[in-house]
Amino acid sequence: METWYYEVVSIDGDYANLKRTDTESEELKLVARALLPPEITEGSRLKYEMMSYSII
Protein backbone atom coordinates (compact mmCIF):
# COMPACT_ATOMS: atom_id res chain seq x y z
CA MET A 1 0.00 0.00 0.00
CA GLU A 2 1.17 3.48 -0.81
CA THR A 3 1.22 6.33 1.67
CA TRP A 4 0.47 9.89 0.54
CA TYR A 5 0.78 13.16 2.47
CA TYR A 6 -1.47 16.20 2.17
CA GLU A 7 -2.00 19.63 3.65
CA VAL A 8 -5.48 21.12 4.12
CA VAL A 9 -5.45 24.27 1.98
CA SER A 10 -9.04 25.38 2.58
CA ILE A 11 -12.32 24.18 4.03
CA ASP A 12 -15.55 25.00 2.21
CA GLY A 13 -18.64 23.68 3.95
CA ASP A 14 -18.74 19.90 3.67
CA TYR A 15 -15.56 19.71 1.58
CA ALA A 16 -11.85 20.37 2.03
CA ASN A 17 -9.22 21.15 -0.59
CA LEU A 18 -6.05 19.12 -0.06
CA LYS A 19 -2.65 19.70 -1.61
CA ARG A 20 -0.27 16.78 -1.92
CA THR A 21 3.01 17.52 -0.13
CA ASP A 22 5.09 14.42 -0.90
CA THR A 23 5.36 15.28 -4.62
CA GLU A 24 5.63 18.43 -6.70
CA SER A 25 2.02 19.18 -7.60
CA GLU A 26 -0.10 22.31 -7.67
CA GLU A 27 -3.34 20.35 -8.11
CA LEU A 28 -5.86 20.39 -5.30
CA LYS A 29 -7.93 17.37 -4.34
CA LEU A 30 -11.51 18.00 -3.22
CA VAL A 31 -12.45 15.59 -0.41
CA ALA A 32 -15.69 15.29 1.56
CA ARG A 33 -15.11 16.25 5.21
CA ALA A 34 -16.96 13.10 6.27
CA LEU A 35 -13.89 11.15 5.08
CA LEU A 36 -11.46 13.33 7.08
CA PRO A 37 -10.75 13.55 10.82
CA PRO A 38 -13.32 15.93 12.38
CA GLU A 39 -10.68 18.11 14.07
CA ILE A 40 -8.96 19.27 10.86
CA THR A 41 -8.31 22.97 10.28
CA GLU A 42 -6.69 24.85 7.43
CA GLY A 43 -3.00 24.00 7.52
CA SER A 44 -3.50 20.54 9.07
CA ARG A 45 -1.18 17.88 7.70
CA LEU A 46 -2.71 14.55 6.80
CA LYS A 47 -1.50 11.08 5.94
CA TYR A 48 -3.54 8.91 3.56
CA GLU A 49 -2.90 5.21 4.02
CA MET A 50 -5.04 2.12 3.61
CA MET A 51 -8.00 4.22 2.36
CA SER A 52 -8.02 6.37 5.51
CA TYR A 53 -6.88 9.89 6.42
CA SER A 54 -5.18 10.70 9.73
CA ILE A 55 -3.64 13.86 11.19
CA ILE A 56 0.14 13.86 11.56
PDB file of N, CA and C in Angstrom:
ATOM      1  N   MET A   1       0.832  -1.194   0.000  1.00  0.00           N
ATOM      2  CA  MET A   1       0.000   0.000   0.000  1.00  0.00           C
ATOM      3  C   MET A   1       0.872   1.252   0.000  1.00  0.00           C
ATOM      4  N   GLU A   2       0.451   2.216  -0.765  1.00  0.00           N
ATOM      5  CA  GLU A   2       1.173   3.482  -0.806  1.00  0.00           C
ATOM      6  C   GLU A   2       0.687   4.406   0.300  1.00  0.00           C
ATOM      7  N   THR A   3       1.557   5.313   0.698  1.00  0.00           N
ATOM      8  CA  THR A   3       1.218   6.333   1.675  1.00  0.00           C
ATOM      9  C   THR A   3       1.415   7.691   1.010  1.00  0.00           C
ATOM     10  N   TRP A   4       0.412   8.560   1.122  1.00  0.00           N
ATOM     11  CA  TRP A   4       0.470   9.891   0.542  1.00  0.00           C
ATOM     12  C   TRP A   4       0.261  10.913   1.642  1.00  0.00           C
ATOM     13  N   TYR A   5       0.870  12.083   1.479  1.00  0.00           N
ATOM     14  CA  TYR A   5       0.778  13.157   2.475  1.00  0.00           C
ATOM     15  C   TYR A   5       0.135  14.390   1.854  1.00  0.00           C
ATOM     16  N   TYR A   6      -0.723  15.036   2.640  1.00  0.00           N
ATOM     17  CA  TYR A   6      -1.473  16.197   2.170  1.00  0.00           C
ATOM     18  C   TYR A   6      -1.465  17.290   3.225  1.00  0.00           C
ATOM     19  N   GLU A   7      -1.760  18.499   2.757  1.00  0.00           N
ATOM     20  CA  GLU A   7      -2.002  19.630   3.647  1.00  0.00           C
ATOM     21  C   GLU A   7      -3.381  20.179   3.309  1.00  0.00           C
ATOM     22  N   VAL A   8      -4.156  20.535   4.336  1.00  0.00           N
ATOM     23  CA  VAL A   8      -5.476  21.122   4.121  1.00  0.00           C
ATOM     24  C   VAL A   8      -5.260  22.582   3.728  1.00  0.00           C
ATOM     25  N   VAL A   9      -5.630  22.917   2.494  1.00  0.00           N
ATOM     26  CA  VAL A   9      -5.448  24.271   1.982  1.00  0.00           C
ATOM     27  C   VAL A   9      -6.633  25.145   2.376  1.00  0.00           C
ATOM     28  N   SER A  10      -7.836  24.612   2.231  1.00  0.00           N
ATOM     29  CA  SER A  10      -9.039  25.375   2.578  1.00  0.00           C
ATOM     30  C   SER A  10     -10.174  24.416   2.902  1.00  0.00           C
ATOM     31  N   ILE A  11     -11.117  24.942   3.673  1.00  0.00           N
ATOM     32  CA  ILE A  11     -12.322  24.184   4.032  1.00  0.00           C
ATOM     33  C   ILE A  11     -13.514  24.992   3.541  1.00  0.00           C
ATOM     34  N   ASP A  12     -14.381  24.333   2.783  1.00  0.00           N
ATOM     35  CA  ASP A  12     -15.545  25.004   2.208  1.00  0.00           C
ATOM     36  C   ASP A  12     -16.775  24.156   2.492  1.00  0.00           C
ATOM     37  N   GLY A  13     -17.434  24.438   3.592  1.00  0.00           N
ATOM     38  CA  GLY A  13     -18.636  23.684   3.955  1.00  0.00           C
ATOM     39  C   GLY A  13     -18.324  22.224   4.238  1.00  0.00           C
ATOM     40  N   ASP A  14     -18.902  21.336   3.464  1.00  0.00           N
ATOM     41  CA  ASP A  14     -18.736  19.895   3.675  1.00  0.00           C
ATOM     42  C   ASP A  14     -17.530  19.317   2.943  1.00  0.00           C
ATOM     43  N   TYR A  15     -16.703  20.172   2.364  1.00  0.00           N
ATOM     44  CA  TYR A  15     -15.555  19.707   1.585  1.00  0.00           C
ATOM     45  C   TYR A  15     -14.281  20.425   2.012  1.00  0.00           C
ATOM     46  N   ALA A  16     -13.163  19.766   1.769  1.00  0.00           N
ATOM     47  CA  ALA A  16     -11.853  20.372   2.027  1.00  0.00           C
ATOM     48  C   ALA A  16     -10.993  20.198   0.788  1.00  0.00           C
ATOM     49  N   ASN A  17     -10.179  21.205   0.509  1.00  0.00           N
ATOM     50  CA  ASN A  17      -9.221  21.146  -0.588  1.00  0.00           C
ATOM     51  C   ASN A  17      -7.875  20.732  -0.015  1.00  0.00           C
ATOM     52  N   LEU A  18      -7.326  19.645  -0.535  1.00  0.00           N
ATOM     53  CA  LEU A  18      -6.055  19.121  -0.057  1.00  0.00           C
ATOM     54  C   LEU A  18      -4.997  19.268  -1.134  1.00  0.00           C
ATOM     55  N   LYS A  19      -3.790  19.615  -0.704  1.00  0.00           N
ATOM     56  CA  LYS A  19      -2.646  19.699  -1.613  1.00  0.00           C
ATOM     57  C   LYS A  19      -1.651  18.623  -1.214  1.00  0.00           C
ATOM     58  N   ARG A  20      -1.226  17.852  -2.184  1.00  0.00           N
ATOM     59  CA  ARG A  20      -0.266  16.784  -1.921  1.00  0.00           C
ATOM     60  C   ARG A  20       1.098  17.390  -1.618  1.00  0.00           C
ATOM     61  N   THR A  21       1.746  16.930  -0.548  1.00  0.00           N
ATOM     62  CA  THR A  21       3.015  17.517  -0.126  1.00  0.00           C
ATOM     63  C   THR A  21       4.209  16.594  -0.346  1.00  0.00           C
ATOM     64  N   ASP A  22       3.977  15.343  -0.706  1.00  0.00           N
ATOM     65  CA  ASP A  22       5.094  14.422  -0.899  1.00  0.00           C
ATOM     66  C   ASP A  22       5.573  14.383  -2.349  1.00  0.00           C
ATOM     67  N   THR A  23       4.926  15.139  -3.227  1.00  0.00           N
ATOM     68  CA  THR A  23       5.357  15.277  -4.621  1.00  0.00           C
ATOM     69  C   THR A  23       5.170  16.727  -5.049  1.00  0.00           C
ATOM     70  N   GLU A  24       5.798  17.089  -6.144  1.00  0.00           N
ATOM     71  CA  GLU A  24       5.628  18.427  -6.705  1.00  0.00           C
ATOM     72  C   GLU A  24       4.321  18.467  -7.487  1.00  0.00           C
ATOM     73  N   SER A  25       3.310  19.087  -6.917  1.00  0.00           N
ATOM     74  CA  SER A  25       2.020  19.181  -7.596  1.00  0.00           C
ATOM     75  C   SER A  25       1.273  20.412  -7.100  1.00  0.00           C
ATOM     76  N   GLU A  26       0.703  21.139  -8.021  1.00  0.00           N
ATOM     77  CA  GLU A  26      -0.103  22.308  -7.672  1.00  0.00           C
ATOM     78  C   GLU A  26      -1.597  21.972  -7.666  1.00  0.00           C
ATOM     79  N   GLU A  27      -1.941  20.752  -8.070  1.00  0.00           N
ATOM     80  CA  GLU A  27      -3.341  20.346  -8.110  1.00  0.00           C
ATOM     81  C   GLU A  27      -3.902  20.201  -6.707  1.00  0.00           C
ATOM     82  N   LEU A  28      -5.158  20.587  -6.563  1.00  0.00           N
ATOM     83  CA  LEU A  28      -5.857  20.392  -5.298  1.00  0.00           C
ATOM     84  C   LEU A  28      -6.828  19.235  -5.448  1.00  0.00           C
ATOM     85  N   LYS A  29      -7.004  18.509  -4.364  1.00  0.00           N
ATOM     86  CA  LYS A  29      -7.925  17.371  -4.343  1.00  0.00           C
ATOM     87  C   LYS A  29      -9.101  17.758  -3.444  1.00  0.00           C
ATOM     88  N   LEU A  30     -10.303  17.685  -3.978  1.00  0.00           N
ATOM     89  CA  LEU A  30     -11.509  17.998  -3.221  1.00  0.00           C
ATOM     90  C   LEU A  30     -11.995  16.728  -2.530  1.00  0.00           C
ATOM     91  N   VAL A  31     -12.087  16.775  -1.190  1.00  0.00           N
ATOM     92  CA  VAL A  31     -12.450  15.590  -0.407  1.00  0.00           C
ATOM     93  C   VAL A  31     -13.592  15.958   0.544  1.00  0.00           C
ATOM     94  N   ALA A  32     -14.579  15.078   0.635  1.00  0.00           N
ATOM     95  CA  ALA A  32     -15.685  15.291   1.564  1.00  0.00           C
ATOM     96  C   ALA A  32     -15.158  15.245   3.001  1.00  0.00           C
ATOM     97  N   ARG A  33     -15.591  16.190   3.821  1.00  0.00           N
ATOM     98  CA  ARG A  33     -15.114  16.250   5.210  1.00  0.00           C
ATOM     99  C   ARG A  33     -15.513  15.019   6.002  1.00  0.00           C
ATOM    100  N   ALA A  34     -16.542  14.329   5.580  1.00  0.00           N
ATOM    101  CA  ALA A  34     -16.957  13.104   6.266  1.00  0.00           C
ATOM    102  C   ALA A  34     -15.869  12.030   6.202  1.00  0.00           C
ATOM    103  N   LEU A  35     -14.978  12.123   5.227  1.00  0.00           N
ATOM    104  CA  LEU A  35     -13.885  11.154   5.082  1.00  0.00           C
ATOM    105  C   LEU A  35     -12.634  11.563   5.856  1.00  0.00           C
ATOM    106  N   LEU A  36     -12.629  12.783   6.401  1.00  0.00           N
ATOM    107  CA  LEU A  36     -11.458  13.329   7.081  1.00  0.00           C
ATOM    108  C   LEU A  36     -11.672  13.358   8.596  1.00  0.00           C
ATOM    109  N   PRO A  37     -10.586  13.421   9.369  1.00  0.00           N
ATOM    110  CA  PRO A  37     -10.747  13.553  10.823  1.00  0.00           C
ATOM    111  C   PRO A  37     -11.537  14.829  11.151  1.00  0.00           C
ATOM    112  N   PRO A  38     -12.448  14.776  12.104  1.00  0.00           N
ATOM    113  CA  PRO A  38     -13.318  15.930  12.381  1.00  0.00           C
ATOM    114  C   PRO A  38     -12.568  17.159  12.901  1.00  0.00           C
ATOM    115  N   GLU A  39     -11.385  16.987  13.464  1.00  0.00           N
ATOM    116  CA  GLU A  39     -10.676  18.112  14.068  1.00  0.00           C
ATOM    117  C   GLU A  39      -9.740  18.849  13.106  1.00  0.00           C
ATOM    118  N   ILE A  40      -9.844  18.589  11.803  1.00  0.00           N
ATOM    119  CA  ILE A  40      -8.958  19.272  10.862  1.00  0.00           C
ATOM    120  C   ILE A  40      -9.241  20.770  10.827  1.00  0.00           C
ATOM    121  N   THR A  41      -8.205  21.536  10.531  1.00  0.00           N
ATOM    122  CA  THR A  41      -8.312  22.970  10.282  1.00  0.00           C
ATOM    123  C   THR A  41      -7.443  23.271   9.065  1.00  0.00           C
ATOM    124  N   GLU A  42      -7.560  24.476   8.545  1.00  0.00           N
ATOM    125  CA  GLU A  42      -6.688  24.853   7.434  1.00  0.00           C
ATOM    126  C   GLU A  42      -5.250  24.794   7.921  1.00  0.00           C
ATOM    127  N   GLY A  43      -4.397  24.165   7.140  1.00  0.00           N
ATOM    128  CA  GLY A  43      -3.002  23.997   7.523  1.00  0.00           C
ATOM    129  C   GLY A  43      -2.700  22.650   8.165  1.00  0.00           C
ATOM    130  N   SER A  44      -3.729  21.873   8.494  1.00  0.00           N
ATOM    131  CA  SER A  44      -3.503  20.541   9.068  1.00  0.00           C
ATOM    132  C   SER A  44      -2.779  19.669   8.066  1.00  0.00           C
ATOM    133  N   ARG A  45      -1.902  18.825   8.556  1.00  0.00           N
ATOM    134  CA  ARG A  45      -1.184  17.878   7.701  1.00  0.00           C
ATOM    135  C   ARG A  45      -1.798  16.496   7.898  1.00  0.00           C
ATOM    136  N   LEU A  46      -2.032  15.831   6.773  1.00  0.00           N
ATOM    137  CA  LEU A  46      -2.713  14.546   6.804  1.00  0.00           C
ATOM    138  C   LEU A  46      -1.880  13.468   6.130  1.00  0.00           C
ATOM    139  N   LYS A  47      -2.091  12.250   6.578  1.00  0.00           N
ATOM    140  CA  LYS A  47      -1.498  11.078   5.938  1.00  0.00           C
ATOM    141  C   LYS A  47      -2.645  10.226   5.426  1.00  0.00           C
ATOM    142  N   TYR A  48      -2.544   9.787   4.158  1.00  0.00           N
ATOM    143  CA  TYR A  48      -3.538   8.909   3.562  1.00  0.00           C
ATOM    144  C   TYR A  48      -2.896   7.546   3.376  1.00  0.00           C
ATOM    145  N   GLU A  49      -3.451   6.560   4.067  1.00  0.00           N
ATOM    146  CA  GLU A  49      -2.897   5.214   4.020  1.00  0.00           C
ATOM    147  C   GLU A  49      -4.025   4.228   4.263  1.00  0.00           C
ATOM    148  N   MET A  50      -4.035   3.171   3.477  1.00  0.00           N
ATOM    149  CA  MET A  50      -5.045   2.119   3.607  1.00  0.00           C
ATOM    150  C   MET A  50      -6.459   2.691   3.572  1.00  0.00           C
ATOM    151  N   MET A  51      -6.693   3.610   2.606  1.00  0.00           N
ATOM    152  CA  MET A  51      -7.996   4.219   2.358  1.00  0.00           C
ATOM    153  C   MET A  51      -8.524   5.013   3.542  1.00  0.00           C
ATOM    154  N   SER A  52      -7.623   5.597   4.345  1.00  0.00           N
ATOM    155  CA  SER A  52      -8.024   6.369   5.512  1.00  0.00           C
ATOM    156  C   SER A  52      -7.093   7.554   5.713  1.00  0.00           C
ATOM    157  N   TYR A  53      -7.650   8.697   6.142  1.00  0.00           N
ATOM    158  CA  TYR A  53      -6.876   9.891   6.421  1.00  0.00           C
ATOM    159  C   TYR A  53      -6.664  10.010   7.921  1.00  0.00           C
ATOM    160  N   SER A  54      -5.463  10.430   8.324  1.00  0.00           N
ATOM    161  CA  SER A  54      -5.180  10.697   9.734  1.00  0.00           C
ATOM    162  C   SER A  54      -4.311  11.936   9.838  1.00  0.00           C
ATOM    163  N   ILE A  55      -4.430  12.643  10.953  1.00  0.00           N
ATOM    164  CA  ILE A  55      -3.638  13.857  11.187  1.00  0.00           C
ATOM    165  C   ILE A  55      -2.245  13.439  11.646  1.00  0.00           C
ATOM    166  N   ILE A  56      -1.240  14.133  11.112  1.00  0.00           N
ATOM    167  CA  ILE A  56       0.138  13.865  11.564  1.00  0.00           C
ATOM    168  C   ILE A  56       0.718  15.103  12.214  1.00  0.00           C
TER     169      ILE A  56
END
